[in-house]
Amino acid sequence: MSWVVLVLSGVLEAVWATALGRSEGFTRLAPSVTFGLALLLSMGGLAYAMRELPVGTAYAVWVGIGAVLTVLWAMATGEEPASVVRLLLVGLIIAGVVGLKLTH
């Protein structure tokens, strides 16, 4: 169960990171509220997962999922350029997250 919660928390990290960027310094209400809610749920899920998983592994997986989804979303929406090299580098992050799961 901890792994499921951790993965969902990583997804919520991407949500709050994207919302933070769109909040324009907390001057836009909807993205600011989305940021706050997603942050609370994401951190709560990370804390829950850390009750059973090692801190380093849980944190690295959480950050990795959040980072990968955030950059893929930014590429998909045209906010960041996409290239083969960038996608390969994102793939390395994914490989690291999967490796941490497999070695746990």
C-alpha atoms as a PDB file:
ATOM      1  CA  MET A   1       0.000   0.000   0.000  1.00  0.00           C
ATOM      2  CA  SER A   2       2.875   2.377   0.746  1.00  0.00           C
ATOM      3  CA  TRP A   3       4.142   2.119  -2.824  1.00  0.00           C
ATOM      4  CA  VAL A   4       0.720   2.959  -4.272  1.00  0.00           C
ATOM      5  CA  VAL A   5       0.411   5.980  -1.992  1.00  0.00           C
ATOM      6  CA  LEU A   6       3.960   7.036  -2.873  1.00  0.00           C
ATOM      7  CA  VAL A   7       3.281   6.894  -6.612  1.00  0.00           C
ATOM      8  CA  LEU A   8       0.055   8.895  -6.224  1.00  0.00           C
ATOM      9  CA  SER A   9       1.935  11.409  -4.094  1.00  0.00           C
ATOM     10  CA  GLY A  10       4.542  11.732  -6.834  1.00  0.00           C
ATOM     11  CA  VAL A  11       1.784  12.464  -9.342  1.00  0.00           C
ATOM     12  CA  LEU A  12       0.452  15.137  -7.002  1.00  0.00           C
ATOM     13  CA  GLU A  13       3.947  16.616  -6.818  1.00  0.00           C
ATOM     14  CA  ALA A  14       3.764  17.229 -10.555  1.00  0.00           C
ATOM     15  CA  VAL A  15       0.337  18.822 -10.067  1.00  0.00           C
ATOM     16  CA  TRP A  16       1.527  21.240  -7.401  1.00  0.00           C
ATOM     17  CA  ALA A  17       4.724  22.094  -9.285  1.00  0.00           C
ATOM     18  CA  THR A  18       2.756  22.903 -12.422  1.00  0.00           C
ATOM     19  CA  ALA A  19       0.142  24.859 -10.461  1.00  0.00           C
ATOM     20  CA  LEU A  20       2.894  26.823  -8.717  1.00  0.00           C
ATOM     21  CA  GLY A  21       4.275  27.902 -12.072  1.00  0.00           C
ATOM     22  CA  ARG A  22       0.839  28.956 -13.246  1.00  0.00           C
ATOM     23  CA  SER A  23      -0.059  30.820 -10.044  1.00  0.00           C
ATOM     24  CA  GLU A  24       2.108  33.778 -11.125  1.00  0.00           C
ATOM     25  CA  GLY A  25       3.453  34.341  -7.632  1.00  0.00           C
ATOM     26  CA  PHE A  26       0.160  33.356  -5.973  1.00  0.00           C
ATOM     27  CA  THR A  27      -1.707  36.144  -7.781  1.00  0.00           C
ATOM     28  CA  ARG A  28      -4.094  33.756  -9.561  1.00  0.00           C
ATOM     29  CA  LEU A  29      -6.633  32.074  -7.301  1.00  0.00           C
ATOM     30  CA  ALA A  30      -7.353  28.731  -9.003  1.00  0.00           C
ATOM     31  CA  PRO A  31      -3.728  27.685  -9.535  1.00  0.00           C
ATOM     32  CA  SER A  32      -2.836  28.905  -6.026  1.00  0.00           C
ATOM     33  CA  VAL A  33      -5.593  26.809  -4.435  1.00  0.00           C
ATOM     34  CA  THR A  34      -4.658  23.818  -6.590  1.00  0.00           C
ATOM     35  CA  PHE A  35      -1.047  24.238  -5.488  1.00  0.00           C
ATOM     36  CA  GLY A  36      -1.983  24.277  -1.794  1.00  0.00           C
ATOM     37  CA  LEU A  37      -4.279  21.268  -1.922  1.00  0.00           C
ATOM     38  CA  ALA A  38      -1.954  19.176  -4.078  1.00  0.00           C
ATOM     39  CA  LEU A  39       1.007  20.102  -1.860  1.00  0.00           C
ATOM     40  CA  LEU A  40      -0.784  19.031   1.317  1.00  0.00           C
ATOM     41  CA  LEU A  41      -1.965  15.747  -0.181  1.00  0.00           C
ATOM     42  CA  SER A  42       1.407  15.038  -1.784  1.00  0.00           C
ATOM     43  CA  MET A  43       3.367  15.681   1.406  1.00  0.00           C
ATOM     44  CA  GLY A  44       0.849  13.724   3.467  1.00  0.00           C
ATOM     45  CA  GLY A  45       1.169  10.755   1.137  1.00  0.00           C
ATOM     46  CA  LEU A  46       4.958  10.958   1.223  1.00  0.00           C
ATOM     47  CA  ALA A  47       4.881  11.011   5.030  1.00  0.00           C
ATOM     48  CA  TYR A  48       2.540   8.003   5.045  1.00  0.00           C
ATOM     49  CA  ALA A  49       4.796   6.053   2.673  1.00  0.00           C
ATOM     50  CA  MET A  50       7.857   6.843   4.770  1.00  0.00           C
ATOM     51  CA  ARG A  51       6.354   4.947   7.682  1.00  0.00           C
ATOM     52  CA  GLU A  52       7.206   1.706   5.832  1.00  0.00           C
ATOM     53  CA  LEU A  53       9.759   2.719   3.194  1.00  0.00           C
ATOM     54  CA  PRO A  54      13.284   4.022   3.743  1.00  0.00           C
ATOM     55  CA  VAL A  55      13.443   7.812   3.677  1.00  0.00           C
ATOM     56  CA  GLY A  56      16.017   8.011   0.888  1.00  0.00           C
ATOM     57  CA  THR A  57      14.198   5.577  -1.381  1.00  0.00           C
ATOM     58  CA  ALA A  58      10.786   7.132  -0.777  1.00  0.00           C
ATOM     59  CA  TYR A  59      12.038  10.657  -1.353  1.00  0.00           C
ATOM     60  CA  ALA A  60      13.998   9.774  -4.505  1.00  0.00           C
ATOM     61  CA  VAL A  61      11.026   7.936  -6.019  1.00  0.00           C
ATOM     62  CA  TRP A  62       8.637  10.776  -5.082  1.00  0.00           C
ATOM     63  CA  VAL A  63      10.885  13.439  -6.586  1.00  0.00           C
ATOM     64  CA  GLY A  64      11.624  11.318  -9.646  1.00  0.00           C
ATOM     65  CA  ILE A  65       7.962  10.737 -10.446  1.00  0.00           C
ATOM     66  CA  GLY A  66       7.149  14.391  -9.887  1.00  0.00           C
ATOM     67  CA  ALA A  67      10.063  15.607 -11.987  1.00  0.00           C
ATOM     68  CA  VAL A  68       9.357  13.240 -14.886  1.00  0.00           C
ATOM     69  CA  LEU A  69       5.659  14.056 -15.038  1.00  0.00           C
ATOM     70  CA  THR A  70       6.276  17.788 -14.698  1.00  0.00           C
ATOM     71  CA  VAL A  71       8.774  17.922 -17.543  1.00  0.00           C
ATOM     72  CA  LEU A  72       6.712  15.608 -19.777  1.00  0.00           C
ATOM     73  CA  TRP A  73       3.633  17.790 -19.203  1.00  0.00           C
ATOM     74  CA  ALA A  74       5.648  20.925 -20.000  1.00  0.00           C
ATOM     75  CA  MET A  75       6.928  19.317 -23.196  1.00  0.00           C
ATOM     76  CA  ALA A  76       3.439  18.110 -24.184  1.00  0.00           C
ATOM     77  CA  THR A  77       1.936  21.570 -23.707  1.00  0.00           C
ATOM     78  CA  GLY A  78       4.783  23.327 -25.532  1.00  0.00           C
ATOM     79  CA  GLU A  79       6.057  25.176 -22.464  1.00  0.00           C
ATOM     80  CA  GLU A  80       9.430  23.435 -22.814  1.00  0.00           C
ATOM     81  CA  PRO A  81      11.147  22.104 -25.915  1.00  0.00           C
ATOM     82  CA  ALA A  82      11.121  18.371 -26.522  1.00  0.00           C
ATOM     83  CA  SER A  83      14.039  16.563 -28.099  1.00  0.00           C
ATOM     84  CA  VAL A  84      15.362  13.054 -28.333  1.00  0.00           C
ATOM     85  CA  VAL A  85      18.188  13.883 -25.928  1.00  0.00           C
ATOM     86  CA  ARG A  86      15.805  15.376 -23.346  1.00  0.00           C
ATOM     87  CA  LEU A  87      13.508  12.349 -23.592  1.00  0.00           C
ATOM     88  CA  LEU A  88      16.459   9.983 -23.156  1.00  0.00           C
ATOM     89  CA  LEU A  89      17.523  11.891 -20.052  1.00  0.00           C
ATOM     90  CA  VAL A  90      13.990  11.678 -18.656  1.00  0.00           C
ATOM     91  CA  GLY A  91      14.164   7.959 -19.405  1.00  0.00           C
ATOM     92  CA  LEU A  92      17.232   7.724 -17.181  1.00  0.00           C
ATOM     93  CA  ILE A  93      15.258   9.222 -14.300  1.00  0.00           C
ATOM     94  CA  ILE A  94      12.511   6.661 -14.911  1.00  0.00           C
ATOM     95  CA  ALA A  95      15.104   3.864 -14.950  1.00  0.00           C
ATOM     96  CA  GLY A  96      16.447   5.100 -11.617  1.00  0.00           C
ATOM     97  CA  VAL A  97      12.980   5.130 -10.039  1.00  0.00           C
ATOM     98  CA  VAL A  98      12.227   1.624 -11.334  1.00  0.00           C
ATOM     99  CA  GLY A  99      15.636   0.457 -10.131  1.00  0.00           C
ATOM    100  CA  LEU A 100      14.960   1.761  -6.636  1.00  0.00           C
ATOM    101  CA  LYS A 101      11.640  -0.061  -6.573  1.00  0.00           C
ATOM    102  CA  LEU A 102      13.175  -3.312  -7.797  1.00  0.00           C
ATOM    103  CA  THR A 103      15.976  -3.206  -5.237  1.00  0.00           C
ATOM    104  CA  HIS A 104      13.714  -2.475  -2.286  1.00  0.00           C
END
